[in-house]
N, C-alpha and C. Protein backbone atom coordinates (compact mmCIF):
# COMPACT_ATOMS: atom_id res chain seq x y z
N MET A 1 0.81 -1.20 0.00
CA MET A 1 0.00 0.00 0.00
C MET A 1 0.84 1.26 0.00
N ILE A 2 2.04 1.21 0.53
CA ILE A 2 2.89 2.39 0.54
C ILE A 2 3.16 2.90 -0.88
N PRO A 3 3.41 2.02 -1.88
CA PRO A 3 3.64 2.56 -3.23
C PRO A 3 2.47 3.39 -3.77
N ARG A 4 1.23 3.12 -3.33
CA ARG A 4 0.10 3.94 -3.78
C ARG A 4 0.19 5.36 -3.22
N LEU A 5 0.77 5.50 -2.05
CA LEU A 5 0.91 6.81 -1.41
C LEU A 5 2.22 7.48 -1.76
N PHE A 6 3.22 6.66 -2.02
CA PHE A 6 4.56 7.15 -2.26
C PHE A 6 5.21 6.22 -3.27
N PRO A 7 5.48 6.71 -4.48
CA PRO A 7 6.05 5.84 -5.53
C PRO A 7 7.51 5.50 -5.25
N ALA A 8 7.75 4.52 -4.42
CA ALA A 8 9.09 4.21 -3.94
C ALA A 8 9.91 3.42 -4.96
N SER A 9 11.16 3.85 -5.15
CA SER A 9 12.13 3.06 -5.91
C SER A 9 12.67 1.95 -5.02
N THR A 10 12.88 2.27 -3.75
CA THR A 10 13.30 1.28 -2.75
C THR A 10 12.52 1.53 -1.47
N ILE A 11 12.35 0.48 -0.70
CA ILE A 11 11.67 0.62 0.59
C ILE A 11 12.28 -0.38 1.57
N GLY A 12 12.42 0.04 2.80
CA GLY A 12 13.01 -0.83 3.82
C GLY A 12 12.91 -0.18 5.18
N ARG A 13 13.85 -0.53 6.06
CA ARG A 13 13.88 0.07 7.39
C ARG A 13 15.31 0.49 7.68
N TRP A 14 15.49 1.24 8.76
CA TRP A 14 16.82 1.76 9.09
C TRP A 14 17.03 1.65 10.59
N TRP A 15 18.23 1.30 10.98
CA TRP A 15 18.60 1.34 12.39
C TRP A 15 20.08 1.59 12.50
N TYR A 16 20.43 2.26 13.57
CA TYR A 16 21.83 2.56 13.86
C TYR A 16 21.94 2.77 15.37
N GLY A 17 22.77 1.98 16.01
CA GLY A 17 22.85 2.07 17.46
C GLY A 17 21.50 1.76 18.07
N GLY A 18 21.00 2.63 18.89
CA GLY A 18 19.70 2.43 19.51
C GLY A 18 18.55 3.07 18.75
N GLU A 19 18.84 3.68 17.62
CA GLU A 19 17.81 4.38 16.84
C GLU A 19 17.26 3.47 15.74
N GLU A 20 15.95 3.55 15.51
CA GLU A 20 15.32 2.75 14.46
C GLU A 20 14.21 3.56 13.80
N ILE A 21 14.10 3.41 12.49
CA ILE A 21 13.00 3.99 11.73
C ILE A 21 12.30 2.83 11.04
N ASP A 22 10.99 2.70 11.24
CA ASP A 22 10.24 1.55 10.74
C ASP A 22 10.25 1.45 9.22
N ILE A 23 10.06 2.56 8.54
CA ILE A 23 9.97 2.56 7.08
C ILE A 23 10.81 3.70 6.52
N ILE A 24 11.63 3.36 5.54
CA ILE A 24 12.31 4.38 4.74
C ILE A 24 12.08 4.00 3.29
N GLY A 25 11.57 4.93 2.53
CA GLY A 25 11.38 4.72 1.10
C GLY A 25 12.04 5.85 0.34
N THR A 26 12.59 5.52 -0.82
CA THR A 26 13.18 6.55 -1.65
C THR A 26 12.54 6.52 -3.03
N ASP A 27 12.38 7.68 -3.61
CA ASP A 27 11.90 7.82 -4.98
C ASP A 27 12.98 8.53 -5.76
N ASP A 28 13.73 7.78 -6.54
CA ASP A 28 14.84 8.35 -7.30
C ASP A 28 14.36 9.37 -8.33
N HIS A 29 13.18 9.16 -8.90
CA HIS A 29 12.67 10.07 -9.93
C HIS A 29 12.45 11.49 -9.40
N SER A 30 11.89 11.60 -8.21
CA SER A 30 11.60 12.92 -7.64
C SER A 30 12.62 13.36 -6.59
N ALA A 31 13.63 12.52 -6.34
CA ALA A 31 14.65 12.81 -5.32
C ALA A 31 14.01 13.05 -3.95
N THR A 32 13.05 12.18 -3.61
CA THR A 32 12.31 12.30 -2.36
C THR A 32 12.59 11.08 -1.49
N ILE A 33 12.66 11.31 -0.18
CA ILE A 33 12.83 10.23 0.78
C ILE A 33 11.68 10.29 1.78
N LEU A 34 11.15 9.12 2.12
CA LEU A 34 10.04 8.99 3.06
C LEU A 34 10.55 8.31 4.33
N PHE A 35 10.22 8.90 5.47
CA PHE A 35 10.52 8.31 6.77
C PHE A 35 9.19 8.01 7.44
N GLY A 36 9.01 6.79 7.95
CA GLY A 36 7.73 6.43 8.54
C GLY A 36 7.84 5.67 9.84
N GLU A 37 6.87 5.90 10.70
CA GLU A 37 6.74 5.17 11.96
C GLU A 37 5.36 4.52 12.00
N CYS A 38 5.32 3.29 12.48
CA CYS A 38 4.07 2.53 12.60
C CYS A 38 3.83 2.18 14.06
N LYS A 39 2.63 2.44 14.53
CA LYS A 39 2.23 2.13 15.90
C LYS A 39 0.90 1.39 15.85
N TRP A 40 0.73 0.40 16.71
CA TRP A 40 -0.52 -0.36 16.67
C TRP A 40 -1.63 0.35 17.45
N GLY A 41 -1.32 1.13 18.42
CA GLY A 41 -2.33 1.70 19.30
C GLY A 41 -3.06 2.91 18.73
N ALA A 42 -3.95 3.42 19.55
CA ALA A 42 -4.67 4.65 19.26
C ALA A 42 -3.82 5.81 19.76
N LEU A 43 -3.59 6.79 18.90
CA LEU A 43 -2.71 7.91 19.25
C LEU A 43 -3.52 9.19 19.47
N THR A 44 -3.16 9.91 20.52
CA THR A 44 -3.72 11.24 20.75
C THR A 44 -2.96 12.24 19.88
N ARG A 45 -3.47 13.46 19.81
CA ARG A 45 -2.76 14.52 19.08
C ARG A 45 -1.34 14.69 19.62
N LYS A 46 -1.24 14.75 20.94
CA LYS A 46 0.06 14.97 21.57
C LYS A 46 1.02 13.83 21.27
N GLU A 47 0.56 12.59 21.38
CA GLU A 47 1.42 11.44 21.08
C GLU A 47 1.87 11.46 19.62
N SER A 48 0.96 11.79 18.72
CA SER A 48 1.30 11.85 17.29
C SER A 48 2.39 12.88 17.03
N ARG A 49 2.24 14.04 17.62
CA ARG A 49 3.24 15.10 17.43
C ARG A 49 4.59 14.70 18.03
N THR A 50 4.56 14.04 19.18
CA THR A 50 5.80 13.57 19.80
C THR A 50 6.50 12.55 18.91
N ILE A 51 5.75 11.62 18.36
CA ILE A 51 6.31 10.59 17.47
C ILE A 51 6.88 11.24 16.21
N LEU A 52 6.16 12.17 15.62
CA LEU A 52 6.65 12.83 14.40
C LEU A 52 7.90 13.67 14.68
N ALA A 53 7.94 14.34 15.82
CA ALA A 53 9.14 15.11 16.18
C ALA A 53 10.34 14.18 16.36
N SER A 54 10.12 13.05 17.00
CA SER A 54 11.18 12.06 17.19
C SER A 54 11.64 11.50 15.84
N LEU A 55 10.69 11.24 14.96
CA LEU A 55 11.02 10.73 13.63
C LEU A 55 11.87 11.74 12.86
N GLN A 56 11.50 13.01 12.93
CA GLN A 56 12.29 14.04 12.24
C GLN A 56 13.70 14.11 12.80
N LYS A 57 13.83 13.98 14.11
CA LYS A 57 15.16 13.99 14.73
C LYS A 57 15.98 12.79 14.27
N LYS A 58 15.37 11.60 14.29
CA LYS A 58 16.08 10.40 13.86
C LYS A 58 16.47 10.48 12.38
N SER A 59 15.61 11.09 11.57
CA SER A 59 15.89 11.17 10.13
C SER A 59 17.16 11.98 9.85
N SER A 60 17.52 12.87 10.76
CA SER A 60 18.72 13.69 10.54
C SER A 60 19.99 12.85 10.61
N HIS A 61 19.90 11.64 11.14
CA HIS A 61 21.06 10.74 11.23
C HIS A 61 21.23 9.88 9.98
N VAL A 62 20.24 9.90 9.10
CA VAL A 62 20.28 9.08 7.88
C VAL A 62 20.97 9.88 6.78
N ARG A 63 21.98 9.28 6.18
CA ARG A 63 22.68 9.95 5.07
C ARG A 63 21.81 9.85 3.82
N HIS A 64 21.36 11.00 3.35
CA HIS A 64 20.48 10.99 2.18
C HIS A 64 20.63 12.28 1.36
N ALA A 65 21.85 12.70 1.14
CA ALA A 65 22.10 13.98 0.47
C ALA A 65 21.49 14.04 -0.93
N ARG A 66 21.39 12.92 -1.61
CA ARG A 66 20.85 12.96 -2.98
C ARG A 66 19.33 13.11 -3.03
N TYR A 67 18.68 12.96 -1.89
CA TYR A 67 17.23 13.12 -1.81
C TYR A 67 16.93 14.47 -1.16
N ILE A 68 16.44 15.40 -1.97
CA ILE A 68 16.30 16.78 -1.49
C ILE A 68 14.97 17.05 -0.78
N GLU A 69 13.97 16.22 -1.04
CA GLU A 69 12.68 16.42 -0.37
C GLU A 69 12.45 15.30 0.63
N GLU A 70 12.02 15.67 1.83
CA GLU A 70 11.72 14.70 2.88
C GLU A 70 10.21 14.67 3.13
N LYS A 71 9.67 13.46 3.30
CA LYS A 71 8.28 13.29 3.68
C LYS A 71 8.24 12.41 4.92
N PHE A 72 7.24 12.64 5.76
CA PHE A 72 7.13 11.90 7.01
C PHE A 72 5.76 11.24 7.10
N LEU A 73 5.77 9.95 7.44
CA LEU A 73 4.56 9.13 7.51
C LEU A 73 4.35 8.64 8.93
N LEU A 74 3.11 8.71 9.38
CA LEU A 74 2.72 8.13 10.66
C LEU A 74 1.53 7.21 10.40
N ALA A 75 1.65 5.95 10.82
CA ALA A 75 0.56 4.98 10.68
C ALA A 75 0.25 4.40 12.06
N ALA A 76 -1.05 4.30 12.36
CA ALA A 76 -1.47 3.74 13.65
C ALA A 76 -2.91 3.25 13.53
N ARG A 77 -3.37 2.55 14.56
CA ARG A 77 -4.74 2.04 14.54
C ARG A 77 -5.73 3.20 14.39
N THR A 78 -5.61 4.21 15.24
CA THR A 78 -6.38 5.44 15.09
C THR A 78 -5.46 6.61 15.43
N ILE A 79 -5.72 7.74 14.80
CA ILE A 79 -4.90 8.93 15.02
C ILE A 79 -5.82 10.13 15.20
N GLU A 80 -5.87 10.64 16.40
CA GLU A 80 -6.68 11.81 16.70
C GLU A 80 -6.06 13.03 16.00
N GLY A 81 -6.88 13.80 15.31
CA GLY A 81 -6.38 15.01 14.65
C GLY A 81 -5.61 14.74 13.37
N LYS A 82 -5.89 13.61 12.71
CA LYS A 82 -5.11 13.25 11.52
C LYS A 82 -5.28 14.27 10.38
N GLU A 83 -6.44 14.87 10.26
CA GLU A 83 -6.64 15.85 9.18
C GLU A 83 -5.76 17.08 9.38
N ALA A 84 -5.61 17.53 10.61
CA ALA A 84 -4.73 18.68 10.89
C ALA A 84 -3.29 18.35 10.54
N LEU A 85 -2.85 17.13 10.86
CA LEU A 85 -1.49 16.72 10.51
C LEU A 85 -1.30 16.66 9.00
N ARG A 86 -2.31 16.18 8.30
CA ARG A 86 -2.24 16.13 6.83
C ARG A 86 -2.11 17.54 6.25
N LYS A 87 -2.84 18.49 6.82
CA LYS A 87 -2.76 19.87 6.34
C LYS A 87 -1.37 20.45 6.54
N GLU A 88 -0.63 19.91 7.51
CA GLU A 88 0.75 20.35 7.76
C GLU A 88 1.75 19.63 6.86
N GLY A 89 1.25 18.72 6.02
CA GLY A 89 2.12 18.05 5.05
C GLY A 89 2.56 16.65 5.42
N TYR A 90 2.10 16.13 6.54
CA TYR A 90 2.45 14.77 6.93
C TYR A 90 1.55 13.77 6.20
N LEU A 91 2.10 12.59 5.91
CA LEU A 91 1.29 11.47 5.43
C LEU A 91 0.82 10.73 6.67
N VAL A 92 -0.48 10.60 6.84
CA VAL A 92 -1.04 10.02 8.05
C VAL A 92 -2.06 8.96 7.65
N LEU A 93 -1.89 7.76 8.19
CA LEU A 93 -2.77 6.63 7.88
C LEU A 93 -3.23 5.95 9.16
N ASP A 94 -4.53 5.73 9.25
CA ASP A 94 -5.01 4.88 10.32
C ASP A 94 -5.72 3.68 9.70
N LEU A 95 -6.22 2.79 10.54
CA LEU A 95 -6.82 1.56 10.04
C LEU A 95 -7.98 1.84 9.09
N ASP A 96 -8.80 2.85 9.37
CA ASP A 96 -9.90 3.20 8.46
C ASP A 96 -9.38 3.58 7.08
N ASP A 97 -8.27 4.32 7.03
CA ASP A 97 -7.68 4.70 5.74
C ASP A 97 -7.20 3.48 4.97
N VAL A 98 -6.57 2.55 5.68
CA VAL A 98 -6.07 1.32 5.04
C VAL A 98 -7.23 0.52 4.48
N LEU A 99 -8.31 0.39 5.24
CA LEU A 99 -9.48 -0.35 4.76
C LEU A 99 -10.09 0.33 3.54
N THR A 100 -10.15 1.65 3.53
CA THR A 100 -10.67 2.39 2.38
C THR A 100 -9.80 2.14 1.15
N ILE A 101 -8.49 2.18 1.32
CA ILE A 101 -7.57 1.92 0.21
C ILE A 101 -7.79 0.50 -0.32
N MET A 102 -7.89 -0.46 0.59
CA MET A 102 -8.07 -1.85 0.17
C MET A 102 -9.40 -2.06 -0.54
N ASP A 103 -10.45 -1.38 -0.09
CA ASP A 103 -11.76 -1.49 -0.74
C ASP A 103 -11.74 -0.95 -2.16
N ASN A 104 -10.82 -0.03 -2.44
CA ASN A 104 -10.75 0.60 -3.76
C ASN A 104 -9.76 -0.07 -4.70
N ILE A 105 -9.12 -1.15 -4.26
CA ILE A 105 -8.21 -1.88 -5.14
C ILE A 105 -9.06 -2.79 -6.03
N PRO A 106 -8.89 -2.66 -7.35
CA PRO A 106 -9.68 -3.52 -8.25
C PRO A 106 -9.35 -5.00 -8.01
N SER A 107 -10.39 -5.83 -8.09
CA SER A 107 -10.15 -7.26 -7.87
C SER A 107 -9.84 -8.00 -9.15
């Protein structure tokens, strides 16, 4: 499902020392890199912002000079205030969004 949201040339995860990023995707065509965190629980606005701030901090440790645009993804069971986060430019997915995407995939 990530390729539908982000046309990734490569996708994987990253870790170094005690730091880990659940999803990293790169799009060579647009020189864009995606950093993503996945949580199973229900997130409040405050928790979501804390996770995104932590993700942005961790992303600064990833060497990605050839990718000039950064995007940040948060996925969780539910995310309070997801529309406000989307308006700020974050990619935000909860379980309802995933089910909607799956319902729209041609069989």
